[in-house]
PDB file of N, CA and C in Angstrom:
ATOM      1  N   MET A   1      75.432-122.966  18.108  1.00  0.00           N
ATOM      2  CA  MET A   1      74.683-121.982  18.096  1.00  0.00           C
ATOM      3  C   MET A   1      75.431-120.686  16.795  1.00  0.00           C
ATOM      4  N   SER A   2      74.727-119.705  15.261  1.00  0.00           N
ATOM      5  CA  SER A   2      75.788-119.189  14.902  1.00  0.00           C
ATOM      6  C   SER A   2      74.726-117.445  15.346  1.00  0.00           C
ATOM      7  N   TYR A   3      75.263-116.642  15.753  1.00  0.00           N
ATOM      8  CA  TYR A   3      75.012-115.465  15.503  1.00  0.00           C
ATOM      9  C   TYR A   3      76.394-114.486  15.557  1.00  0.00           C
ATOM     10  N   THR A   4      76.040-113.409  15.031  1.00  0.00           N
ATOM     11  CA  THR A   4      77.037-112.278  15.363  1.00  0.00           C
ATOM     12  C   THR A   4      76.366-111.124  15.987  1.00  0.00           C
ATOM     13  N   HIS A   5      77.337-110.344  17.052  1.00  0.00           N
ATOM     14  CA  HIS A   5      77.165-108.920  17.623  1.00  0.00           C
ATOM     15  C   HIS A   5      77.588-108.226  17.024  1.00  0.00           C
ATOM     16  N   ALA A   6      76.921-107.150  16.716  1.00  0.00           N
ATOM     17  CA  ALA A   6      77.615-105.481  17.037  1.00  0.00           C
ATOM     18  C   ALA A   6      76.984-104.493  17.904  1.00  0.00           C
ATOM     19  N   ALA A   7      77.461-103.346  17.542  1.00  0.00           N
ATOM     20  CA  ALA A   7      76.704-101.815  18.008  1.00  0.00           C
ATOM     21  C   ALA A   7      77.543-100.957  17.244  1.00  0.00           C
ATOM     22  N   ALA A   8      76.248-100.206  17.603  1.00  0.00           N
ATOM     23  CA  ALA A   8      76.713 -98.807  16.415  1.00  0.00           C
ATOM     24  C   ALA A   8      78.162 -97.814  16.837  1.00  0.00           C
ATOM     25  N   THR A   9      78.645 -98.290  17.931  1.00  0.00           N
ATOM     26  CA  THR A   9      80.194 -98.300  18.488  1.00  0.00           C
ATOM     27  C   THR A   9      81.419 -98.751  17.470  1.00  0.00           C
ATOM     28  N   ASP A  10      80.692-100.087  16.694  1.00  0.00           N
ATOM     29  CA  ASP A  10      81.781-100.886  16.478  1.00  0.00           C
ATOM     30  C   ASP A  10      81.850-100.137  14.886  1.00  0.00           C
ATOM     31  N   VAL A  11      80.923 -99.128  14.543  1.00  0.00           N
ATOM     32  CA  VAL A  11      81.172 -98.419  12.654  1.00  0.00           C
ATOM     33  C   VAL A  11      81.443 -96.560  12.950  1.00  0.00           C
ATOM     34  N   GLU A  12      81.767 -96.399  12.227  1.00  0.00           N
ATOM     35  CA  GLU A  12      81.823 -94.841  12.045  1.00  0.00           C
ATOM     36  C   GLU A  12      80.209 -94.256  11.277  1.00  0.00           C
ATOM     37  N   SER A  13      79.656 -93.813  11.910  1.00  0.00           N
ATOM     38  CA  SER A  13      78.279 -92.967  11.346  1.00  0.00           C
ATOM     39  C   SER A  13      79.394 -92.398  10.141  1.00  0.00           C
ATOM     40  N   VAL A  14      77.750 -92.534   9.137  1.00  0.00           N
ATOM     41  CA  VAL A  14      78.154 -91.685   7.623  1.00  0.00           C
ATOM     42  C   VAL A  14      77.466 -90.163   7.604  1.00  0.00           C
ATOM     43  N   MET A  15      77.275 -89.620   9.003  1.00  0.00           N
ATOM     44  CA  MET A  15      76.723 -88.707   8.789  1.00  0.00           C
ATOM     45  C   MET A  15      76.871 -87.768   9.969  1.00  0.00           C
ATOM     46  N   ASP A  16      77.057 -86.350   9.372  1.00  0.00           N
ATOM     47  CA  ASP A  16      77.706 -85.228  10.415  1.00  0.00           C
ATOM     48  C   ASP A  16      77.155 -85.087  11.405  1.00  0.00           C
ATOM     49  N   ALA A  17      78.472 -84.947  12.499  1.00  0.00           N
ATOM     50  CA  ALA A  17      77.452 -85.387  13.948  1.00  0.00           C
ATOM     51  C   ALA A  17      76.412 -84.355  14.218  1.00  0.00           C
ATOM     52  N   ASP A  18      77.048 -83.060  13.365  1.00  0.00           N
ATOM     53  CA  ASP A  18      75.816 -81.479  13.551  1.00  0.00           C
ATOM     54  C   ASP A  18      74.343 -82.516  13.214  1.00  0.00           C
ATOM     55  N   TYR A  19      73.962 -83.109  12.597  1.00  0.00           N
ATOM     56  CA  TYR A  19      72.347 -83.655  12.365  1.00  0.00           C
ATOM     57  C   TYR A  19      72.166 -84.734  13.032  1.00  0.00           C
ATOM     58  N   GLY A  20      73.025 -85.345  13.485  1.00  0.00           N
ATOM     59  CA  GLY A  20      72.987 -86.448  14.380  1.00  0.00           C
ATOM     60  C   GLY A  20      73.743 -88.053  13.977  1.00  0.00           C
ATOM     61  N   GLY A  21      73.359 -89.058  13.558  1.00  0.00           N
ATOM     62  CA  GLY A  21      74.164 -90.036  13.168  1.00  0.00           C
ATOM     63  C   GLY A  21      73.487 -91.029  12.457  1.00  0.00           C
ATOM     64  N   MET A  22      74.495 -91.797  11.685  1.00  0.00           N
ATOM     65  CA  MET A  22      73.698 -92.939  11.008  1.00  0.00           C
ATOM     66  C   MET A  22      74.778 -94.113  11.061  1.00  0.00           C
ATOM     67  N   TRP A  23      74.913 -94.735  11.476  1.00  0.00           N
ATOM     68  CA  TRP A  23      75.610 -96.397  11.575  1.00  0.00           C
ATOM     69  C   TRP A  23      74.702 -97.103  10.881  1.00  0.00           C
ATOM     70  N   PHE A  24      75.119 -97.706   9.812  1.00  0.00           N
ATOM     71  CA  PHE A  24      75.132 -98.545   9.037  1.00  0.00           C
ATOM     72  C   PHE A  24      75.804-100.360   9.825  1.00  0.00           C
ATOM     73  N   LEU A  25      75.019-101.712  10.031  1.00  0.00           N
ATOM     74  CA  LEU A  25      75.599-102.508  10.831  1.00  0.00           C
ATOM     75  C   LEU A  25      75.552-103.658   9.564  1.00  0.00           C
ATOM     76  N   ARG A  26      75.130-103.427   8.154  1.00  0.00           N
ATOM     77  CA  ARG A  26      74.632-104.847   7.770  1.00  0.00           C
ATOM     78  C   ARG A  26      76.088-105.438   7.472  1.00  0.00           C
ATOM     79  N   ASP A  27      77.748-104.511   7.574  1.00  0.00           N
ATOM     80  CA  ASP A  27      78.820-105.626   7.372  1.00  0.00           C
ATOM     81  C   ASP A  27      79.679-105.889   9.018  1.00  0.00           C
ATOM     82  N   ALA A  28      78.925-105.297   9.307  1.00  0.00           N
ATOM     83  CA  ALA A  28      79.323-105.239  10.908  1.00  0.00           C
ATOM     84  C   ALA A  28      78.670-106.608  11.339  1.00  0.00           C
ATOM     85  N   LEU A  29      77.618-107.371  11.036  1.00  0.00           N
ATOM     86  CA  LEU A  29      77.049-108.029  11.757  1.00  0.00           C
ATOM     87  C   LEU A  29      76.809-109.080  10.583  1.00  0.00           C
ATOM     88  N   ALA A  30      77.798-108.563   9.162  1.00  0.00           N
ATOM     89  CA  ALA A  30      78.067-109.650   8.143  1.00  0.00           C
ATOM     90  C   ALA A  30      76.119-110.309   7.641  1.00  0.00           C
ATOM     91  N   THR A  31      75.403-109.500   7.516  1.00  0.00           N
ATOM     92  CA  THR A  31      74.460-110.351   7.049  1.00  0.00           C
ATOM     93  C   THR A  31      74.610-110.300   5.418  1.00  0.00           C
ATOM     94  N   GLU A  32      73.502-111.222   4.578  1.00  0.00           N
ATOM     95  CA  GLU A  32      73.980-111.634   3.224  1.00  0.00           C
ATOM     96  C   GLU A  32      72.356-110.673   2.597  1.00  0.00           C
ATOM     97  N   GLU A  33      71.319-110.451   3.521  1.00  0.00           N
ATOM     98  CA  GLU A  33      70.394-110.260   2.527  1.00  0.00           C
ATOM     99  C   GLU A  33      69.418-109.041   3.776  1.00  0.00           C
ATOM    100  N   LEU A  34      70.044-108.443   4.789  1.00  0.00           N
ATOM    101  CA  LEU A  34      69.162-107.803   5.302  1.00  0.00           C
ATOM    102  C   LEU A  34      70.023-106.412   6.078  1.00  0.00           C
ATOM    103  N   GLY A  35      70.089-105.605   5.837  1.00  0.00           N
ATOM    104  CA  GLY A  35      70.667-104.351   5.971  1.00  0.00           C
ATOM    105  C   GLY A  35      70.144-103.927   7.408  1.00  0.00           C
ATOM    106  N   VAL A  36      70.718-103.241   8.629  1.00  0.00           N
ATOM    107  CA  VAL A  36      69.740-102.683   9.390  1.00  0.00           C
ATOM    108  C   VAL A  36      71.292-101.452   9.745  1.00  0.00           C
ATOM    109  N   THR A  37      70.173-100.306  10.309  1.00  0.00           N
ATOM    110  CA  THR A  37      71.168 -99.087  10.164  1.00  0.00           C
ATOM    111  C   THR A  37      70.589 -98.699  11.481  1.00  0.00           C
ATOM    112  N   ILE A  38      70.728 -97.938  12.684  1.00  0.00           N
ATOM    113  CA  ILE A  38      70.641 -97.177  13.302  1.00  0.00           C
ATOM    114  C   ILE A  38      70.940 -95.679  13.162  1.00  0.00           C
ATOM    115  N   LEU A  39      69.625 -94.707  13.177  1.00  0.00           N
ATOM    116  CA  LEU A  39      69.466 -93.451  12.604  1.00  0.00           C
ATOM    117  C   LEU A  39      69.199 -92.481  13.981  1.00  0.00           C
ATOM    118  N   GLU A  40      70.034 -91.337  14.114  1.00  0.00           N
ATOM    119  CA  GLU A  40      69.844 -90.207  15.287  1.00  0.00           C
ATOM    120  C   GLU A  40      69.562 -88.964  14.078  1.00  0.00           C
ATOM    121  N   LEU A  41      68.562 -88.122  14.830  1.00  0.00           N
ATOM    122  CA  LEU A  41      68.351 -87.194  13.960  1.00  0.00           C
ATOM    123  C   LEU A  41      68.504 -85.713  14.797  1.00  0.00           C
ATOM    124  N   GLU A  42      69.133 -85.083  15.096  1.00  0.00           N
ATOM    125  CA  GLU A  42      68.755 -83.531  16.590  1.00  0.00           C
ATOM    126  C   GLU A  42      67.467 -83.599  15.127  1.00  0.00           C
ATOM    127  N   PRO A  43      66.685 -83.035  16.324  1.00  0.00           N
ATOM    128  CA  PRO A  43      65.944 -81.302  15.930  1.00  0.00           C
ATOM    129  C   PRO A  43      66.145 -80.571  14.752  1.00  0.00           C
ATOM    130  N   GLY A  44      65.233 -80.522  13.595  1.00  0.00           N
ATOM    131  CA  GLY A  44      66.052 -79.821  12.368  1.00  0.00           C
ATOM    132  C   GLY A  44      66.670 -80.684  11.286  1.00  0.00           C
ATOM    133  N   ALA A  45      67.154 -81.694  11.710  1.00  0.00           N
ATOM    134  CA  ALA A  45      67.195 -82.429  10.659  1.00  0.00           C
ATOM    135  C   ALA A  45      66.759 -83.156   9.848  1.00  0.00           C
ATOM    136  N   ARG A  46      67.373 -83.745   8.920  1.00  0.00           N
ATOM    137  CA  ARG A  46      66.415 -84.616   8.042  1.00  0.00           C
ATOM    138  C   ARG A  46      67.884 -85.532   7.126  1.00  0.00           C
ATOM    139  N   GLY A  47      66.951 -86.397   6.317  1.00  0.00           N
ATOM    140  CA  GLY A  47      67.517 -87.381   5.824  1.00  0.00           C
ATOM    141  C   GLY A  47      67.463 -86.817   4.813  1.00  0.00           C
ATOM    142  N   LYS A  48      68.131 -87.496   3.577  1.00  0.00           N
ATOM    143  CA  LYS A  48      67.546 -87.167   2.221  1.00  0.00           C
ATOM    144  C   LYS A  48      66.809 -88.080   1.258  1.00  0.00           C
ATOM    145  N   GLU A  49      66.479 -87.001   0.503  1.00  0.00           N
ATOM    146  CA  GLU A  49      65.217 -87.820  -0.398  1.00  0.00           C
ATOM    147  C   GLU A  49      65.322 -88.740  -0.977  1.00  0.00           C
ATOM    148  N   HIS A  50      64.993 -90.251  -1.423  1.00  0.00           N
ATOM    149  CA  HIS A  50      65.815 -91.241  -1.539  1.00  0.00           C
ATOM    150  C   HIS A  50      63.963 -91.993  -2.139  1.00  0.00           C
ATOM    151  N   ASP A  51      64.539 -92.737  -3.319  1.00  0.00           N
ATOM    152  CA  ASP A  51      64.194 -94.654  -3.130  1.00  0.00           C
ATOM    153  C   ASP A  51      64.613 -94.999  -3.173  1.00  0.00           C
ATOM    154  N   HIS A  52      64.132 -96.753  -3.647  1.00  0.00           N
ATOM    155  CA  HIS A  52      65.280 -97.670  -4.016  1.00  0.00           C
ATOM    156  C   HIS A  52      64.710 -98.334  -5.195  1.00  0.00           C
ATOM    157  N   ALA A  53      64.241 -98.071  -5.725  1.00  0.00           N
ATOM    158  CA  ALA A  53      63.998 -98.107  -7.164  1.00  0.00           C
ATOM    159  C   ALA A  53      64.939 -98.846  -7.860  1.00  0.00           C
ATOM    160  N   SER A  54      66.009 -98.678  -7.489  1.00  0.00           N
ATOM    161  CA  SER A  54      67.021 -99.476  -8.705  1.00  0.00           C
ATOM    162  C   SER A  54      67.709-100.781  -7.992  1.00  0.00           C
ATOM    163  N   ASP A  55      67.854-100.672  -6.533  1.00  0.00           N
ATOM    164  CA  ASP A  55      67.868-102.041  -5.962  1.00  0.00           C
ATOM    165  C   ASP A  55      66.966-103.224  -5.617  1.00  0.00           C
ATOM    166  N   GLY A  56      65.720-102.400  -5.382  1.00  0.00           N
ATOM    167  CA  GLY A  56      64.055-102.938  -5.355  1.00  0.00           C
ATOM    168  C   GLY A  56      64.362-103.446  -2.981  1.00  0.00           C
ATOM    169  N   GLN A  57      65.053-102.453  -2.912  1.00  0.00           N
ATOM    170  CA  GLN A  57      65.170-102.304  -1.267  1.00  0.00           C
ATOM    171  C   GLN A  57      63.559-102.315  -0.246  1.00  0.00           C
ATOM    172  N   GLU A  58      62.776-102.985   0.363  1.00  0.00           N
ATOM    173  CA  GLU A  58      61.957-102.635   0.731  1.00  0.00           C
ATOM    174  C   GLU A  58      62.731-102.237   2.378  1.00  0.00           C
ATOM    175  N   GLU A  59      62.007-101.337   2.664  1.00  0.00           N
ATOM    176  CA  GLU A  59      62.287-100.692   4.486  1.00  0.00           C
ATOM    177  C   GLU A  59      61.448-100.831   5.242  1.00  0.00           C
ATOM    178  N   VAL A  60      61.688-100.741   6.704  1.00  0.00           N
ATOM    179  CA  VAL A  60      60.679-100.753   7.853  1.00  0.00           C
ATOM    180  C   VAL A  60      61.297 -99.452   8.680  1.00  0.00           C
ATOM    181  N   TYR A  61      60.656 -98.902   9.181  1.00  0.00           N
ATOM    182  CA  TYR A  61      61.462 -97.554  10.397  1.00  0.00           C
ATOM    183  C   TYR A  61      60.723 -97.807  11.285  1.00  0.00           C
ATOM    184  N   VAL A  62      61.310 -97.941  12.361  1.00  0.00           N
ATOM    185  CA  VAL A  62      60.893 -98.396  13.692  1.00  0.00           C
ATOM    186  C   VAL A  62      61.316 -97.133  14.544  1.00  0.00           C
ATOM    187  N   CYS A  63      60.830 -96.433  15.370  1.00  0.00           N
ATOM    188  CA  CYS A  63      60.663 -94.875  15.385  1.00  0.00           C
ATOM    189  C   CYS A  63      61.211 -95.691  17.628  1.00  0.00           C
ATOM    190  N   VAL A  64      62.550 -95.553  17.751  1.00  0.00           N
ATOM    191  CA  VAL A  64      62.602 -95.946  19.147  1.00  0.00           C
ATOM    192  C   VAL A  64      62.753 -95.016  20.426  1.00  0.00           C
ATOM    193  N   HIS A  65      62.762 -93.254  20.002  1.00  0.00           N
ATOM    194  CA  HIS A  65      62.766 -92.527  20.783  1.00  0.00           C
ATOM    195  C   HIS A  65      62.642 -91.114  20.034  1.00  0.00           C
ATOM    196  N   GLY A  66      61.701 -90.110  20.355  1.00  0.00           N
ATOM    197  CA  GLY A  66      61.573 -88.740  19.829  1.00  0.00           C
ATOM    198  C   GLY A  66      60.092 -89.449  19.123  1.00  0.00           C
ATOM    199  N   VAL A  67      60.302 -88.208  18.200  1.00  0.00           N
ATOM    200  CA  VAL A  67      59.226 -88.349  16.693  1.00  0.00           C
ATOM    201  C   VAL A  67      60.025 -87.732  15.582  1.00  0.00           C
ATOM    202  N   VAL A  68      59.291 -88.342  14.498  1.00  0.00           N
ATOM    203  CA  VAL A  68      60.087 -88.339  13.716  1.00  0.00           C
ATOM    204  C   VAL A  68      58.710 -88.257  12.521  1.00  0.00           C
ATOM    205  N   ASP A  69      59.047 -87.344  10.677  1.00  0.00           N
ATOM    206  CA  ASP A  69      58.109 -87.659  10.154  1.00  0.00           C
ATOM    207  C   ASP A  69      58.927 -88.421   8.763  1.00  0.00           C
ATOM    208  N   VAL A  70      57.860 -88.907   8.129  1.00  0.00           N
ATOM    209  CA  VAL A  70      58.210 -89.646   6.617  1.00  0.00           C
ATOM    210  C   VAL A  70      57.887 -88.525   5.767  1.00  0.00           C
ATOM    211  N   ASP A  71      58.175 -88.147   4.842  1.00  0.00           N
ATOM    212  CA  ASP A  71      57.591 -87.617   4.089  1.00  0.00           C
ATOM    213  C   ASP A  71      58.194 -88.267   2.780  1.00  0.00           C
ATOM    214  N   PHE A  72      56.675 -88.473   2.239  1.00  0.00           N
ATOM    215  CA  PHE A  72      56.246 -89.396   1.015  1.00  0.00           C
ATOM    216  C   PHE A  72      55.932 -88.344   0.044  1.00  0.00           C
ATOM    217  N   ASP A  73      56.880 -88.820  -1.162  1.00  0.00           N
ATOM    218  CA  ASP A  73      56.500 -87.476  -2.514  1.00  0.00           C
ATOM    219  C   ASP A  73      56.539 -85.817  -1.872  1.00  0.00           C
ATOM    220  N   GLY A  74      57.517 -85.700  -1.334  1.00  0.00           N
ATOM    221  CA  GLY A  74      57.943 -84.428  -0.489  1.00  0.00           C
ATOM    222  C   GLY A  74      57.020 -83.763   0.193  1.00  0.00           C
ATOM    223  N   GLY A  75      56.111 -84.980   0.730  1.00  0.00           N
ATOM    224  CA  GLY A  75      55.102 -84.165   2.407  1.00  0.00           C
ATOM    225  C   GLY A  75      54.181 -83.795   1.630  1.00  0.00           C
ATOM    226  N   ASP A  76      53.019 -83.571   2.794  1.00  0.00           N
ATOM    227  CA  ASP A  76      51.752 -82.621   2.910  1.00  0.00           C
ATOM    228  C   ASP A  76      51.918 -81.262   1.552  1.00  0.00           C
ATOM    229  N   ASP A  77      53.235 -80.775   2.195  1.00  0.00           N
ATOM    230  CA  ASP A  77      53.713 -79.063   1.481  1.00  0.00           C
ATOM    231  C   ASP A  77      53.795 -79.423  -0.014  1.00  0.00           C
ATOM    232  N   GLU A  78      54.020 -80.888  -0.805  1.00  0.00           N
ATOM    233  CA  GLU A  78      54.111 -80.825  -1.842  1.00  0.00           C
ATOM    234  C   GLU A  78      53.479 -81.359  -2.685  1.00  0.00           C
ATOM    235  N   GLY A  79      51.745 -81.864  -2.170  1.00  0.00           N
ATOM    236  CA  GLY A  79      51.034 -82.464  -2.511  1.00  0.00           C
ATOM    237  C   GLY A  79      51.636 -84.306  -2.725  1.00  0.00           C
ATOM    238  N   GLY A  80      52.268 -84.627  -1.474  1.00  0.00           N
ATOM    239  CA  GLY A  80      52.838 -86.023  -1.060  1.00  0.00           C
ATOM    240  C   GLY A  80      51.481 -86.114   0.135  1.00  0.00           C
ATOM    241  N   GLU A  81      52.469 -87.083   1.099  1.00  0.00           N
ATOM    242  CA  GLU A  81      51.825 -87.618   2.309  1.00  0.00           C
ATOM    243  C   GLU A  81      52.890 -87.451   3.507  1.00  0.00           C
ATOM    244  N   THR A  82      52.038 -87.352   4.947  1.00  0.00           N
ATOM    245  CA  THR A  82      53.211 -87.203   5.517  1.00  0.00           C
ATOM    246  C   THR A  82      52.763 -87.838   6.559  1.00  0.00           C
ATOM    247  N   VAL A  83      53.640 -89.178   7.360  1.00  0.00           N
ATOM    248  CA  VAL A  83      53.207 -90.013   8.465  1.00  0.00           C
ATOM    249  C   VAL A  83      54.009 -89.968   9.332  1.00  0.00           C
ATOM    250  N   ARG A  84      54.053 -89.111  10.322  1.00  0.00           N
ATOM    251  CA  ARG A  84      54.603 -89.307  12.001  1.00  0.00           C
ATOM    252  C   ARG A  84      54.781 -90.072  12.790  1.00  0.00           C
ATOM    253  N   LEU A  85      55.468 -90.483  13.018  1.00  0.00           N
ATOM    254  CA  LEU A  85      55.868 -91.850  13.947  1.00  0.00           C
ATOM    255  C   LEU A  85      56.998 -91.091  15.331  1.00  0.00           C
ATOM    256  N   ALA A  86      55.551 -91.920  16.158  1.00  0.00           N
ATOM    257  CA  ALA A  86      56.249 -91.738  17.381  1.00  0.00           C
ATOM    258  C   ALA A  86      57.004 -92.897  17.835  1.00  0.00           C
ATOM    259  N   GLU A  87      57.544 -93.040  19.416  1.00  0.00           N
ATOM    260  CA  GLU A  87      58.326 -93.866  20.052  1.00  0.00           C
ATOM    261  C   GLU A  87      57.257 -95.038  19.792  1.00  0.00           C
ATOM    262  N   ASN A  88      57.702 -96.259  19.327  1.00  0.00           N
ATOM    263  CA  ASN A  88      56.915 -97.622  19.113  1.00  0.00           C
ATOM    264  C   ASN A  88      56.448 -97.606  18.012  1.00  0.00           C
ATOM    265  N   GLU A  89      56.203 -96.821  16.989  1.00  0.00           N
ATOM    266  CA  GLU A  89      55.844 -97.279  15.913  1.00  0.00           C
ATOM    267  C   GLU A  89      56.612 -96.943  15.105  1.00  0.00           C
ATOM    268  N   ALA A  90      56.044 -97.674  13.384  1.00  0.00           N
ATOM    269  CA  ALA A  90      56.894 -98.413  12.591  1.00  0.00           C
ATOM    270  C   ALA A  90      55.993 -98.157  11.411  1.00  0.00           C
ATOM    271  N   VAL A  91      56.719 -98.113   9.999  1.00  0.00           N
ATOM    272  CA  VAL A  91      56.030 -97.517   8.603  1.00  0.00           C
ATOM    273  C   VAL A  91      57.021 -98.293   8.048  1.00  0.00           C
ATOM    274  N   ARG A  92      56.166 -99.167   7.000  1.00  0.00           N
ATOM    275  CA  ARG A  92      57.284-100.498   6.106  1.00  0.00           C
ATOM    276  C   ARG A  92      56.850 -99.155   4.832  1.00  0.00           C
ATOM    277  N   VAL A  93      57.742 -99.338   3.569  1.00  0.00           N
ATOM    278  CA  VAL A  93      58.128 -98.324   2.641  1.00  0.00           C
ATOM    279  C   VAL A  93      58.361 -99.473   1.648  1.00  0.00           C
ATOM    280  N   SER A  94      57.438 -98.989   0.695  1.00  0.00           N
ATOM    281  CA  SER A  94      58.282-100.155  -0.439  1.00  0.00           C
ATOM    282  C   SER A  94      59.517 -99.465  -1.463  1.00  0.00           C
ATOM    283  N   ALA A  95      60.197-100.341  -2.045  1.00  0.00           N
ATOM    284  CA  ALA A  95      61.066 -99.958  -3.325  1.00  0.00           C
ATOM    285  C   ALA A  95      61.514 -98.527  -3.515  1.00  0.00           C
ATOM    286  N   GLY A  96      59.901 -98.574  -4.806  1.00  0.00           N
ATOM    287  CA  GLY A  96      59.950 -97.241  -5.240  1.00  0.00           C
ATOM    288  C   GLY A  96      59.337 -96.252  -4.871  1.00  0.00           C
ATOM    289  N   GLN A  97      58.727 -96.064  -3.328  1.00  0.00           N
ATOM    290  CA  GLN A  97      58.461 -94.691  -3.265  1.00  0.00           C
ATOM    291  C   GLN A  97      59.157 -93.726  -2.881  1.00  0.00           C
ATOM    292  N   THR A  98      59.262 -92.317  -2.876  1.00  0.00           N
ATOM    293  CA  THR A  98      60.228 -91.711  -2.357  1.00  0.00           C
ATOM    294  C   THR A  98      59.924 -91.230  -1.156  1.00  0.00           C
ATOM    295  N   ARG A  99      60.995 -91.232  -0.273  1.00  0.00           N
ATOM    296  CA  ARG A  99      60.924 -91.012   1.099  1.00  0.00           C
ATOM    297  C   ARG A  99      62.023 -89.850   1.534  1.00  0.00           C
ATOM    298  N   GLN A 100      61.554 -89.307   2.951  1.00  0.00           N
ATOM    299  CA  GLN A 100      62.167 -88.648   3.192  1.00  0.00           C
ATOM    300  C   GLN A 100      62.480 -88.196   5.071  1.00  0.00           C
ATOM    301  N   LEU A 101      62.889 -88.409   5.411  1.00  0.00           N
ATOM    302  CA  LEU A 101      63.186 -88.940   7.119  1.00  0.00           C
ATOM    303  C   LEU A 101      63.445 -87.126   7.455  1.00  0.00           C
ATOM    304  N   GLN A 102      62.528 -86.757   8.512  1.00  0.00           N
ATOM    305  CA  GLN A 102      62.513 -85.125   9.301  1.00  0.00           C
ATOM    306  C   GLN A 102      62.081 -85.167  10.479  1.00  0.00           C
ATOM    307  N   ASN A 103      63.258 -84.696  11.132  1.00  0.00           N
ATOM    308  CA  ASN A 103      63.143 -84.390  12.730  1.00  0.00           C
ATOM    309  C   ASN A 103      62.411 -82.866  12.705  1.00  0.00           C
ATOM    310  N   ARG A 104      61.306 -82.561  13.197  1.00  0.00           N
ATOM    311  CA  ARG A 104      60.681 -81.521  13.240  1.00  0.00           C
ATOM    312  C   ARG A 104      60.226 -81.132  15.114  1.00  0.00           C
ATOM    313  N   GLY A 105      61.045 -82.193  15.393  1.00  0.00           N
ATOM    314  CA  GLY A 105      60.227 -82.472  16.588  1.00  0.00           C
ATOM    315  C   GLY A 105      61.750 -81.367  17.688  1.00  0.00           C
ATOM    316  N   ASP A 106      61.488 -81.384  18.815  1.00  0.00           N
ATOM    317  CA  ASP A 106      62.535 -80.635  19.812  1.00  0.00           C
ATOM    318  C   ASP A 106      63.209 -81.339  20.362  1.00  0.00           C
ATOM    319  N   GLU A 107      63.269 -82.774  20.442  1.00  0.00           N
ATOM    320  CA  GLU A 107      64.766 -83.742  20.757  1.00  0.00           C
ATOM    321  C   GLU A 107      64.811 -84.592  20.204  1.00  0.00           C
ATOM    322  N   ARG A 108      65.885 -85.310  20.587  1.00  0.00           N
ATOM    323  CA  ARG A 108      66.455 -86.081  19.248  1.00  0.00           C
ATOM    324  C   ARG A 108      65.735 -87.146  18.516  1.00  0.00           C
ATOM    325  N   ALA A 109      65.932 -87.871  17.616  1.00  0.00           N
ATOM    326  CA  ALA A 109      65.189 -88.612  17.298  1.00  0.00           C
ATOM    327  C   ALA A 109      66.154 -89.911  17.058  1.00  0.00           C
ATOM    328  N   LYS A 110      65.845 -91.131  17.698  1.00  0.00           N
ATOM    329  CA  LYS A 110      66.320 -92.489  16.977  1.00  0.00           C
ATOM    330  C   LYS A 110      65.303 -93.449  16.334  1.00  0.00           C
ATOM    331  N   LEU A 111      65.886 -93.939  15.460  1.00  0.00           N
ATOM    332  CA  LEU A 111      65.100 -95.068  14.257  1.00  0.00           C
ATOM    333  C   LEU A 111      66.270 -95.744  14.402  1.00  0.00           C
ATOM    334  N   VAL A 112      65.438 -97.263  14.357  1.00  0.00           N
ATOM    335  CA  VAL A 112      66.310 -98.585  13.904  1.00  0.00           C
ATOM    336  C   VAL A 112      65.501 -98.887  12.459  1.00  0.00           C
ATOM    337  N   LEU A 113      66.434 -99.070  10.984  1.00  0.00           N
ATOM    338  CA  LEU A 113      66.106 -98.848   9.913  1.00  0.00           C
ATOM    339  C   LEU A 113      66.372-100.662   9.248  1.00  0.00           C
ATOM    340  N   VAL A 114      65.092-100.733   8.753  1.00  0.00           N
ATOM    341  CA  VAL A 114      65.742-102.434   8.719  1.00  0.00           C
ATOM    342  C   VAL A 114      65.278-102.242   6.739  1.00  0.00           C
ATOM    343  N   GLY A 115      66.477-102.805   6.279  1.00  0.00           N
ATOM    344  CA  GLY A 115      65.824-103.077   4.536  1.00  0.00           C
ATOM    345  C   GLY A 115      66.014-104.585   3.889  1.00  0.00           C
ATOM    346  N   THR A 116      65.336-104.835   3.158  1.00  0.00           N
ATOM    347  CA  THR A 116      65.869-105.908   2.613  1.00  0.00           C
ATOM    348  C   THR A 116      65.116-106.099   0.980  1.00  0.00           C
ATOM    349  N   SER A 117      65.902-107.241   0.245  1.00  0.00           N
ATOM    350  CA  SER A 117      65.698-106.667  -1.433  1.00  0.00           C
ATOM    351  C   SER A 117      64.439-107.769  -1.241  1.00  0.00           C
ATOM    352  N   SER A 118      63.279-107.132  -2.381  1.00  0.00           N
ATOM    353  CA  SER A 118      62.555-108.126  -2.868  1.00  0.00           C
ATOM    354  C   SER A 118      62.396-108.994  -3.837  1.00  0.00           C
ATOM    355  N   GLU A 119      63.780-108.396  -4.098  1.00  0.00           N
ATOM    356  CA  GLU A 119      64.105-109.026  -5.700  1.00  0.00           C
ATOM    357  C   GLU A 119      65.500-110.281  -5.434  1.00  0.00           C
ATOM    358  N   ARG A 120      64.595-111.544  -4.857  1.00  0.00           N
ATOM    359  CA  ARG A 120      65.792-112.313  -4.717  1.00  0.00           C
ATOM    360  C   ARG A 120      65.469-113.620  -5.507  1.00  0.00           C
TER     361      ARG A 120
END
């Protein structure tokens, strides 16, 4: 049997605790092509706007607690689109798509983010 076990407590968060927490588990799990991240966002918090055009990373976001908005190309207010994820909902995002996660709800949101490069 071959497996690796890891928890968010095995790594340090890369996000200020006032905004929630973000734990990259790729190294702790010793994955070769798959990235796994646990993200928690406090009400009013948001991640950075970004894309993965340079590294070709496709991502899937799964909301496991609360509600979170995924703004594409600036979101509804800037001519893009916003997808609201509730618990147990997911969205796949292509590498070149600009995205930003925002918690516009009243409670902490928790997501599992999974990514892999399509350029293999």
